[in-house]
Protein backbone atom coordinates (compact mmCIF):
# COMPACT_ATOMS: atom_id res chain seq x y z
CA MET A 1 -208.79 55.74 318.06
CA SER A 2 -208.59 54.26 314.47
CA GLN A 3 -207.46 53.57 311.82
CA SER A 4 -208.63 54.97 308.14
CA PRO A 5 -208.01 52.06 305.90
CA LEU A 6 -205.55 52.69 302.07
CA PRO A 7 -207.42 52.82 299.31
CA HIS A 8 -205.85 49.89 298.12
CA SER A 9 -204.70 46.51 299.68
CA LEU A 10 -200.19 46.45 299.69
CA ASP A 11 -201.05 42.87 298.56
CA ASP A 12 -203.06 44.24 295.38
CA ARG A 13 -200.71 44.50 292.97
CA ALA A 14 -202.76 44.21 289.90
CA ASP A 15 -203.38 48.12 289.82
CA ARG A 16 -199.78 49.81 290.15
CA ILE A 17 -198.26 50.69 286.99
CA ALA A 18 -193.61 51.30 286.95
CA THR A 19 -192.59 55.48 287.26
CA PRO A 20 -190.43 55.79 284.52
CA SER A 21 -186.85 56.11 284.50
CA GLN A 22 -185.13 58.57 284.21
CA THR A 23 -180.71 57.81 283.22
CA VAL A 24 -177.93 59.86 284.21
CA GLY A 25 -176.97 62.79 283.63
CA PRO A 26 -173.79 64.58 283.39
CA PHE A 27 -173.13 65.45 286.77
CA PHE A 28 -173.71 62.51 288.89
CA HIS A 29 -169.56 61.55 289.44
CA PHE A 30 -168.85 64.56 290.68
CA GLY A 31 -168.99 64.07 294.81
CA ILE A 32 -167.66 60.36 294.03
CA THR A 33 -164.29 60.62 291.43
CA THR A 34 -162.95 63.02 293.99
CA ASP A 35 -160.37 61.05 295.04
CA GLN A 36 -157.88 60.24 292.34
CA GLY A 37 -156.31 57.73 295.07
CA LEU A 38 -159.15 55.24 294.10
CA GLY A 39 -156.88 55.21 290.24
CA SER A 40 -153.98 53.51 291.91
CA LEU A 41 -154.15 50.17 292.79
CA ALA A 42 -150.44 49.10 292.90
CA ALA A 43 -148.57 51.12 295.79
CA ALA A 44 -148.62 47.57 298.69
CA ALA A 45 -149.14 45.77 296.04
CA VAL A 46 -146.74 42.88 295.00
CA GLY A 47 -146.86 41.98 291.16
CA GLU A 48 -145.87 42.87 287.45
CA ARG A 49 -146.67 47.19 287.79
CA LEU A 50 -148.80 48.45 284.86
CA HIS A 51 -150.95 51.39 284.05
CA LEU A 52 -154.16 50.78 282.30
CA ARG A 53 -155.39 53.38 279.87
CA ILE A 54 -159.44 53.26 278.64
CA ARG A 55 -160.77 55.38 276.62
CA VAL A 56 -164.65 55.51 276.30
CA PHE A 57 -166.80 56.34 272.94
CA ASP A 58 -170.17 56.78 272.06
CA GLY A 59 -171.81 55.54 269.05
CA ALA A 60 -170.52 58.41 266.81
CA GLY A 61 -166.72 57.56 268.40
CA THR A 62 -166.99 60.98 269.94
CA PRO A 63 -165.54 60.45 273.56
CA LEU A 64 -167.25 60.82 276.60
CA PRO A 65 -164.86 63.34 278.79
CA ASP A 66 -168.21 62.73 281.74
CA SER A 67 -168.80 59.07 282.53
CA MET A 68 -167.47 57.13 284.97
CA ILE A 69 -164.94 54.24 285.47
CA GLU A 70 -165.02 51.05 288.09
CA ILE A 71 -162.15 48.18 287.94
CA TYR A 72 -162.51 45.07 290.38
CA GLN A 73 -159.71 43.13 289.61
CA ALA A 74 -157.95 39.69 291.43
CA ASN A 75 -153.95 40.49 292.82
CA ALA A 76 -151.01 38.77 291.20
CA ALA A 77 -151.51 35.52 292.77
CA GLY A 78 -155.45 35.53 291.53
CA GLU A 79 -156.72 36.15 294.24
CA TYR A 80 -159.83 38.81 295.15
CA GLY A 81 -160.09 41.90 297.81
CA THR A 82 -156.89 40.88 299.44
CA GLU A 83 -155.30 42.82 302.69
CA SER A 84 -152.44 43.86 300.71
CA PHE A 85 -154.46 45.06 298.10
CA SER A 86 -157.71 45.89 297.79
CA GLY A 87 -158.35 45.35 293.72
CA PHE A 88 -160.90 47.85 293.56
CA GLY A 89 -160.11 51.11 291.64
CA ARG A 90 -162.80 54.23 289.75
CA LEU A 91 -161.86 57.65 288.34
CA ALA A 92 -164.36 59.54 286.34
CA THR A 93 -162.92 60.02 282.41
CA ASP A 94 -161.70 63.14 280.59
CA ALA A 95 -162.04 65.60 278.17
CA ASP A 96 -160.13 62.90 275.96
CA GLY A 97 -162.82 60.20 277.35
CA ALA A 98 -159.96 58.14 279.09
CA CYS A 99 -159.13 57.58 282.69
CA LEU A 100 -155.17 56.15 284.19
CA PHE A 101 -155.06 53.52 286.82
CA GLU A 102 -151.80 52.38 287.86
CA THR A 103 -151.91 48.56 289.47
CA ILE A 104 -150.46 44.62 288.67
CA ARG A 105 -150.87 42.58 286.32
CA PRO A 106 -153.81 40.50 287.11
CA GLY A 107 -153.66 36.92 288.02
CA ARG A 108 -155.23 34.69 286.59
CA ALA A 109 -158.33 34.10 288.68
CA ALA A 110 -160.16 30.48 289.61
CA GLY A 111 -163.99 30.94 288.16
CA ALA A 112 -167.04 29.48 289.95
CA ASP A 113 -165.96 25.74 288.96
CA GLY A 114 -162.60 26.50 289.98
CA ARG A 115 -160.95 26.64 286.09
CA ARG A 116 -158.73 29.20 286.21
CA GLN A 117 -159.43 31.91 283.46
CA ALA A 118 -156.76 34.08 282.02
CA ALA A 119 -156.09 37.51 283.45
CA HIS A 120 -158.68 39.97 283.15
CA VAL A 121 -160.38 42.99 284.57
CA ASN A 122 -164.05 44.05 284.94
CA VAL A 123 -165.13 47.11 284.04
CA CYS A 124 -168.80 48.77 285.19
CA LEU A 125 -169.06 51.74 283.15
CA PHE A 126 -171.24 54.42 284.20
CA ALA A 127 -172.48 57.66 282.59
CA ARG A 128 -174.94 60.00 281.19
CA GLY A 129 -177.67 57.91 279.36
CA LEU A 130 -177.57 54.89 280.51
CA LEU A 131 -180.26 53.69 282.80
CA ARG A 132 -177.71 50.53 285.16
CA GLN A 133 -173.52 50.46 284.77
CA LEU A 134 -172.57 48.25 281.86
CA CYS A 135 -170.26 45.88 282.63
CA THR A 136 -167.51 43.76 280.54
CA ARG A 137 -163.88 42.80 280.92
CA VAL A 138 -160.63 44.00 279.37
CA TYR A 139 -158.11 40.84 278.80
CA PHE A 140 -154.41 40.98 278.70
CA ALA A 141 -153.64 40.84 273.87
CA GLY A 142 -150.04 37.98 273.98
CA ASP A 143 -151.63 36.02 277.06
CA PRO A 144 -151.72 33.21 276.06
CA ASP A 145 -154.27 32.04 278.27
CA LEU A 146 -156.60 33.18 276.38
CA GLU A 147 -157.47 30.46 274.55
CA THR A 148 -158.43 28.27 277.78
CA ASP A 149 -160.48 30.90 279.21
CA PRO A 150 -163.97 30.15 280.06
CA VAL A 151 -166.21 33.29 279.77
CA LEU A 152 -164.10 34.97 276.45
CA ALA A 153 -164.78 31.51 275.23
CA LEU A 154 -168.48 32.57 275.72
CA VAL A 155 -168.08 35.23 273.32
CA PRO A 156 -168.34 34.93 269.35
CA ALA A 157 -164.91 34.66 268.60
CA ASP A 158 -164.78 38.00 265.73
CA ARG A 159 -166.34 40.13 269.04
CA ARG A 160 -162.90 39.47 271.19
CA SER A 161 -160.85 42.04 270.33
CA THR A 162 -163.73 43.87 272.08
CA LEU A 163 -162.44 42.80 275.13
CA LEU A 164 -158.78 43.10 274.76
CA ALA A 165 -156.05 46.07 275.81
CA THR A 166 -153.13 46.59 273.62
CA PRO A 167 -149.67 47.69 274.84
CA ALA A 168 -149.32 51.38 274.11
CA GLU A 169 -146.50 52.75 271.99
CA GLY A 170 -143.89 54.41 272.95
CA ALA A 171 -144.93 54.13 276.10
CA SER A 172 -143.92 51.12 278.17
CA GLY A 173 -146.05 49.71 280.45
CA THR A 174 -148.53 50.97 279.80
CA TRP A 175 -151.71 48.76 278.14
CA GLU A 176 -154.64 50.76 276.24
CA TRP A 177 -157.89 49.84 275.96
CA HIS A 178 -160.85 51.34 273.93
CA LEU A 179 -164.56 51.13 274.95
CA HIS A 180 -166.82 51.49 272.28
CA LEU A 181 -171.13 51.77 273.28
CA GLN A 182 -171.96 50.88 269.93
CA GLY A 183 -170.67 51.09 266.10
CA PRO A 184 -169.26 48.02 264.33
CA ALA A 185 -166.53 47.76 267.18
CA GLU A 186 -168.97 47.40 270.16
CA THR A 187 -167.30 46.40 273.16
CA VAL A 188 -169.17 43.44 274.22
CA PHE A 189 -170.95 43.60 277.72
CA PHE A 190 -172.07 40.98 279.80
CA ASP A 191 -175.44 40.45 281.96
CA LEU A 192 -174.76 40.24 285.37
């Protein structure tokens, strides 16, 4: 029995066109953010405990209540993915566009070139209207290591403040960081 030939060769890419993209809907995180335990990274970890409250805003300054935040960070010794500390967290934002991670202050991790980086948390944002996640970092205001961080040095000086969490007023041990998708306070995002 002979097979009928394909109408076009699999190697012929000249007549192929890209299919349209679709943005992520406001419903995408329902099945993957039900485990609130993914917001508590500090359970068995050694280090300075803290809360990191992240709020997400659109270009008009309106909180995004249906986005999802994933974080990944080093442990207090600057090591990623150890047996006692995975460093991974995931939460959906609430009606105020916020989520609260219970974690530890990360240590100074080494970059690919071996240079130590300032304490930071890697952040991925998934939200409606985005074709793919946005990646950025959050650093801690007042950290003396910010001056020598090789990644932060790539960011124009007048935009670095968009990557800094600040101590929350009246909440000891809580840091607050605002992530803006657009506008004058737009957060710096990295093309990974």
